[in-house]
């Protein structure tokens, strides 16, 4: 690992600022988090990026930013800031796209965090630098990058399949794969030097993703952000249900205004009313 570059520092600062806003403003958090139906039905594609700058709490943010701080320098200092940013954002989007595939029938599923982008940076380093080692926090030891990669992939596959934890394993796996592939595209000579490690990581990951796409019933999916839903709904059913729920909320707000006046509305109710007014102009 080498010192964090200026781009890495800027990304850390942006994550802290954006996440802090999300901690203090629930409407802001809800507007920019990853949520399946908001992307599929409302075509709100910006969430594939903005969700990567939000975090659940300070512990989540601090862990991710420490990881970004320690692992970003090798890519940025050896490949330059522009290529570092391409790997970072490609991994961020790639991680959430895999999550979108995994949870495509779970319209109310949501997620946040920079983990996919950070995993992409780590796995690009594993692919591009054969001697790369992963240090363990606060311990004077490290493990070879190839070994970490194998364990990571197996653990991610297990996590996606078993649903025993409140962790977005699919975001991690998707980000890691995209980061590795983008890094190789930028530096093709790395494949000849490190092909065994790359294949050991890539082959089981791609095979598992193929199964997810072709046989989605193999998954049992749950998450901290996951809520009860009806899997028999079609996209149109989900759209109509969401529209009806939103209209019911607006009707309650209008009824409250009629009875108690505009000043009786909460900040969230005023924001909902503003959002609704934009859709009927």
Protein backbone atom coordinates (compact mmCIF):
# COMPACT_ATOMS: atom_id res chain seq x y z
CA UNK A 1 0.00 0.00 0.00
CA UNK A 2 1.13 3.56 -0.75
CA UNK A 3 0.01 6.98 0.36
CA UNK A 4 -3.47 8.11 -0.64
CA UNK A 5 -3.50 10.55 -3.57
CA UNK A 6 -5.43 13.80 -3.92
CA UNK A 7 -8.33 12.14 -5.79
CA UNK A 8 -8.71 9.58 -3.01
CA UNK A 9 -8.80 12.39 -0.43
CA UNK A 10 -11.46 14.25 -2.44
CA UNK A 11 -13.60 11.11 -2.67
CA UNK A 12 -13.31 10.57 1.08
CA UNK A 13 -14.34 14.18 1.74
CA UNK A 14 -17.31 13.85 -0.65
CA UNK A 15 -18.44 10.64 1.04
CA UNK A 16 -18.27 12.25 4.49
CA UNK A 17 -20.17 15.37 3.39
CA UNK A 18 -22.87 13.48 1.47
CA UNK A 19 -23.30 10.86 4.20
CA UNK A 20 -23.53 13.48 6.95
CA UNK A 21 -26.32 15.20 5.01
CA UNK A 22 -28.06 11.82 4.82
CA UNK A 23 -27.64 11.25 8.57
CA UNK A 24 -29.37 14.55 9.35
CA UNK A 25 -32.00 14.63 6.59
CA UNK A 26 -34.13 11.51 6.04
CA UNK A 27 -35.78 12.95 2.93
CA UNK A 28 -32.35 13.55 1.38
CA UNK A 29 -31.33 9.99 2.28
CA UNK A 30 -34.50 8.54 0.75
CA UNK A 31 -34.14 10.64 -2.41
CA UNK A 32 -30.64 9.38 -3.24
CA UNK A 33 -30.42 5.82 -1.86
CA UNK A 34 -30.46 2.73 -4.09
CA UNK A 35 -34.03 1.41 -4.32
CA UNK A 36 -35.12 -1.13 -6.92
CA UNK A 37 -38.53 0.25 -7.91
CA UNK A 38 -37.27 3.84 -7.96
CA UNK A 39 -34.75 2.72 -10.60
CA UNK A 40 -36.87 0.25 -12.56
CA UNK A 41 -40.20 2.09 -12.50
CA UNK A 42 -39.23 5.76 -12.03
CA UNK A 43 -36.05 5.49 -14.16
CA UNK A 44 -34.12 7.31 -11.43
CA UNK A 45 -30.73 6.05 -12.60
CA UNK A 46 -28.71 8.59 -10.66
CA UNK A 47 -29.29 6.41 -7.57
CA UNK A 48 -26.77 3.90 -8.98
CA UNK A 49 -24.12 6.52 -8.18
CA UNK A 50 -25.55 8.68 -5.39
CA UNK A 51 -26.24 5.63 -3.18
CA UNK A 52 -22.51 5.01 -3.14
CA UNK A 53 -21.96 8.28 -1.27
CA UNK A 54 -24.51 7.54 1.45
CA UNK A 55 -23.97 5.32 4.51
CA UNK A 56 -26.20 3.84 7.19
CA UNK A 57 -24.33 5.29 10.16
CA UNK A 58 -20.95 6.62 11.29
CA UNK A 59 -19.48 3.15 11.81
CA UNK A 60 -20.40 2.13 8.26
CA UNK A 61 -18.92 5.35 6.88
CA UNK A 62 -15.70 5.19 8.94
CA UNK A 63 -14.98 1.57 7.99
CA UNK A 64 -15.46 2.27 4.28
CA UNK A 65 -13.40 5.46 4.36
CA UNK A 66 -10.53 3.75 6.19
CA UNK A 67 -10.61 1.05 3.50
CA UNK A 68 -10.61 3.65 0.73
CA UNK A 69 -7.77 5.54 2.41
CA UNK A 70 -5.54 2.48 2.72
CA UNK A 71 -6.21 0.87 -0.68
CA UNK A 72 -6.67 3.77 -3.12
CA UNK A 73 -3.06 4.94 -3.26
CA UNK A 74 -1.63 2.01 -5.23
CA UNK A 75 -3.98 2.51 -8.19
CA UNK A 76 -3.99 6.31 -8.16
CA UNK A 77 -0.24 6.74 -7.75
CA UNK A 78 0.66 4.12 -10.38
CA UNK A 79 -2.07 4.71 -12.97
CA UNK A 80 -3.05 8.33 -12.43
CA UNK A 81 -6.13 10.07 -11.11
CA UNK A 82 -8.23 9.72 -14.28
CA UNK A 83 -7.88 5.92 -14.50
CA UNK A 84 -8.41 5.64 -10.76
CA UNK A 85 -11.72 7.52 -11.07
CA UNK A 86 -12.83 5.34 -14.00
CA UNK A 87 -12.20 2.17 -11.98
CA UNK A 88 -13.88 3.66 -8.90
CA UNK A 89 -17.11 4.74 -10.60
CA UNK A 90 -17.30 1.72 -12.93
CA UNK A 91 -17.05 -0.52 -9.84
CA UNK A 92 -19.61 1.57 -7.95
CA UNK A 93 -22.17 1.28 -10.76
CA UNK A 94 -21.27 -2.34 -11.51
CA UNK A 95 -21.86 -3.36 -7.91
CA UNK A 96 -25.30 -1.80 -7.79
CA UNK A 97 -26.22 -3.21 -11.21
CA UNK A 98 -25.56 -6.72 -9.89
CA UNK A 99 -27.68 -5.86 -6.85
CA UNK A 100 -30.41 -4.71 -9.24
CA UNK A 101 -30.28 -8.09 -10.99
CA UNK A 102 -30.32 -10.07 -7.75
CA UNK A 103 -33.20 -8.04 -6.26
CA UNK A 104 -35.12 -7.35 -9.47
CA UNK A 105 -38.30 -8.91 -8.03
CA UNK A 106 -37.99 -7.10 -4.69
CA UNK A 107 -39.20 -3.61 -5.49
CA UNK A 108 -38.79 -2.24 -1.97
CA UNK A 109 -35.20 -3.40 -1.54
CA UNK A 110 -32.77 -0.56 -0.85
CA UNK A 111 -29.07 -0.22 -0.10
CA UNK A 112 -26.32 2.36 0.40
CA UNK A 113 -22.53 2.48 0.73
CA UNK A 114 -19.25 2.84 -1.16
CA UNK A 115 -18.26 -0.80 -0.66
CA UNK A 116 -18.69 -1.81 -4.31
CA UNK A 117 -16.35 0.94 -5.49
CA UNK A 118 -13.78 0.12 -2.81
CA UNK A 119 -13.90 -3.61 -3.65
CA UNK A 120 -13.29 -2.64 -7.28
CA UNK A 121 -10.17 -0.70 -6.31
CA UNK A 122 -8.89 -3.61 -4.20
CA UNK A 123 -9.48 -6.22 -6.92
CA UNK A 124 -7.98 -4.01 -9.62
CA UNK A 125 -4.87 -3.89 -7.40
CA UNK A 126 -4.89 -7.70 -7.01
CA UNK A 127 -5.09 -8.13 -10.81
CA UNK A 128 -2.55 -5.46 -11.77
CA UNK A 129 0.06 -5.98 -9.07
CA UNK A 130 0.88 -9.70 -8.53
CA UNK A 131 2.78 -9.06 -5.29
CA UNK A 132 -0.07 -7.08 -3.76
CA UNK A 133 -0.90 -8.08 -0.18
CA UNK A 134 -3.93 -7.27 1.97
CA UNK A 135 -3.07 -5.98 5.41
CA UNK A 136 -5.33 -6.76 8.34
CA UNK A 137 -6.49 -3.76 10.37
CA UNK A 138 -4.30 -3.04 13.39
CA UNK A 139 -2.33 -6.29 12.92
CA UNK A 140 1.28 -6.44 11.63
CA UNK A 141 0.46 -9.20 9.12
CA UNK A 142 -0.93 -9.41 5.59
CA UNK A 143 -2.18 -12.13 3.27
CA UNK A 144 -1.41 -12.52 -0.45
CA UNK A 145 -3.83 -10.72 -2.72
CA UNK A 146 -4.69 -13.89 -4.65
CA UNK A 147 -5.66 -15.71 -1.44
CA UNK A 148 -7.79 -12.81 -0.27
CA UNK A 149 -9.49 -12.76 -3.69
CA UNK A 150 -10.40 -16.44 -3.58
CA UNK A 151 -11.73 -16.27 -0.01
CA UNK A 152 -13.63 -13.07 -0.79
CA UNK A 153 -15.38 -14.56 -3.84
CA UNK A 154 -16.37 -17.75 -2.00
CA UNK A 155 -17.61 -15.76 0.99
CA UNK A 156 -19.59 -13.40 -1.25
CA UNK A 157 -21.24 -16.29 -3.09
CA UNK A 158 -22.08 -17.92 0.23
CA UNK A 159 -23.45 -14.64 1.59
CA UNK A 160 -25.68 -13.99 -1.43
CA UNK A 161 -27.00 -17.53 -1.36
CA UNK A 162 -27.51 -17.95 2.39
CA UNK A 163 -28.87 -14.50 3.35
CA UNK A 164 -27.60 -14.91 6.89
CA UNK A 165 -26.23 -11.36 7.23
CA UNK A 166 -27.32 -7.77 6.65
CA UNK A 167 -24.53 -7.20 4.12
CA UNK A 168 -24.85 -6.37 0.41
CA UNK A 169 -22.59 -9.18 -0.79
CA UNK A 170 -23.82 -8.80 -4.37
CA UNK A 171 -22.63 -5.17 -4.43
CA UNK A 172 -19.21 -6.26 -3.19
CA UNK A 173 -18.91 -9.07 -5.75
CA UNK A 174 -20.15 -6.96 -8.67
CA UNK A 175 -17.85 -4.08 -7.79
CA UNK A 176 -14.86 -6.38 -7.35
CA UNK A 177 -15.35 -8.05 -10.74
CA UNK A 178 -15.89 -4.81 -12.64
CA UNK A 179 -12.89 -3.18 -10.97
CA UNK A 180 -10.69 -6.13 -11.90
CA UNK A 181 -11.90 -6.25 -15.52
CA UNK A 182 -11.61 -2.49 -16.06
CA UNK A 183 -8.10 -2.54 -14.58
CA UNK A 184 -7.09 -5.32 -16.98
CA UNK A 185 -8.56 -3.43 -19.95
CA UNK A 186 -6.43 -0.45 -18.99
CA UNK A 187 -3.32 -2.58 -18.55
CA UNK A 188 -3.72 -5.79 -20.66
CA UNK A 189 -0.18 -6.96 -19.95
CA UNK A 190 -1.30 -7.71 -16.38
CA UNK A 191 -3.28 -10.72 -17.55
CA UNK A 192 -0.17 -12.48 -18.90
CA UNK A 193 1.68 -11.80 -15.66
CA UNK A 194 -1.14 -12.72 -13.27
CA UNK A 195 -3.57 -14.84 -15.31
CA UNK A 196 -3.91 -17.68 -12.80
CA UNK A 197 -5.08 -15.41 -9.99
CA UNK A 198 -7.42 -13.54 -12.32
CA UNK A 199 -9.02 -16.74 -13.66
CA UNK A 200 -9.40 -18.29 -10.19
CA UNK A 201 -11.30 -15.17 -9.09
CA UNK A 202 -13.26 -14.55 -12.30
CA UNK A 203 -14.47 -18.01 -13.33
CA UNK A 204 -16.53 -18.94 -10.22
CA UNK A 205 -17.85 -15.38 -9.97
CA UNK A 206 -19.06 -15.30 -13.58
CA UNK A 207 -20.54 -18.81 -13.26
CA UNK A 208 -22.47 -17.76 -10.16
CA UNK A 209 -23.75 -14.56 -11.79
CA UNK A 210 -24.91 -16.64 -14.76
CA UNK A 211 -26.91 -18.83 -12.38
CA UNK A 212 -28.42 -15.76 -10.72
CA UNK A 213 -29.63 -14.49 -14.09
CA UNK A 214 -30.88 -17.80 -15.49
CA UNK A 215 -32.11 -19.47 -12.29
CA UNK A 216 -33.13 -16.73 -9.86
CA UNK A 217 -35.07 -19.18 -7.70
CA UNK A 218 -31.78 -20.45 -6.23
CA UNK A 219 -31.55 -17.29 -4.15
CA UNK A 220 -33.13 -16.61 -0.77
CA UNK A 221 -32.71 -12.90 -0.32
CA UNK A 222 -33.05 -10.79 2.77
CA UNK A 223 -31.39 -7.65 4.08
CA UNK A 224 -31.56 -5.02 6.82
CA UNK A 225 -33.38 -2.74 4.36
CA UNK A 226 -35.62 -5.52 3.03
CA UNK A 227 -39.34 -5.39 3.73
CA UNK A 228 -42.33 -7.67 3.12
CA UNK A 229 -43.55 -7.64 -0.48
CA UNK A 230 -45.67 -9.60 -2.93
CA UNK A 231 -43.42 -11.43 -5.40
CA UNK A 232 -46.38 -12.18 -7.69
CA UNK A 233 -46.60 -8.49 -8.62
CA UNK A 234 -45.68 -7.48 -12.15
CA UNK A 235 -43.93 -4.18 -12.87
CA UNK A 236 -47.33 -2.64 -13.71
CA UNK A 237 -48.81 -3.94 -10.45
CA UNK A 238 -45.93 -2.41 -8.49
CA UNK A 239 -46.31 0.91 -10.32
CA UNK A 240 -50.04 1.06 -9.64
CA UNK A 241 -49.61 0.06 -5.98
CA UNK A 242 -46.95 2.72 -5.49
CA UNK A 243 -49.12 5.32 -7.22
CA UNK A 244 -52.11 4.47 -5.01
CA UNK A 245 -50.01 4.63 -1.84
CA UNK A 246 -48.60 7.99 -2.86
CA UNK A 247 -52.10 9.32 -3.63
CA UNK A 248 -53.35 8.14 -0.24
CA UNK A 249 -50.51 10.02 1.45
CA UNK A 250 -51.33 13.18 -0.50
CA UNK A 251 -55.04 12.87 0.33
CA UNK A 252 -54.21 12.67 4.04
CA UNK A 253 -51.98 15.75 3.78
CA UNK A 254 -54.67 17.74 1.94
CA UNK A 255 -57.24 16.69 4.52
CA UNK A 256 -54.91 17.85 7.29
CA UNK A 257 -54.45 21.23 5.57
CA UNK A 258 -58.23 21.58 5.25
CA UNK A 259 -58.73 20.91 8.96
CA UNK A 260 -55.69 22.53 10.58
CA UNK A 261 -54.04 24.74 7.98
CA UNK A 262 -50.70 24.67 6.14
CA UNK A 263 -48.71 25.42 9.29
CA UNK A 264 -49.72 22.08 10.79
CA UNK A 265 -47.68 20.11 8.25
CA UNK A 266 -44.39 18.50 9.22
CA UNK A 267 -41.22 19.07 7.18
CA UNK A 268 -41.61 15.65 5.55
CA UNK A 269 -45.26 16.30 4.64
CA UNK A 270 -44.34 19.64 3.04
CA UNK A 271 -41.61 17.94 1.02
CA UNK A 272 -44.04 15.23 -0.15
CA UNK A 273 -46.51 17.92 -1.22
CA UNK A 274 -43.79 19.78 -3.14
CA UNK A 275 -42.70 16.59 -4.91
CA UNK A 276 -46.31 15.77 -5.80
CA UNK A 277 -46.92 19.28 -7.19
CA UNK A 278 -44.03 18.79 -9.63
CA UNK A 279 -45.69 15.69 -11.12
CA UNK A 280 -48.96 17.44 -11.95
CA UNK A 281 -47.58 20.58 -13.59
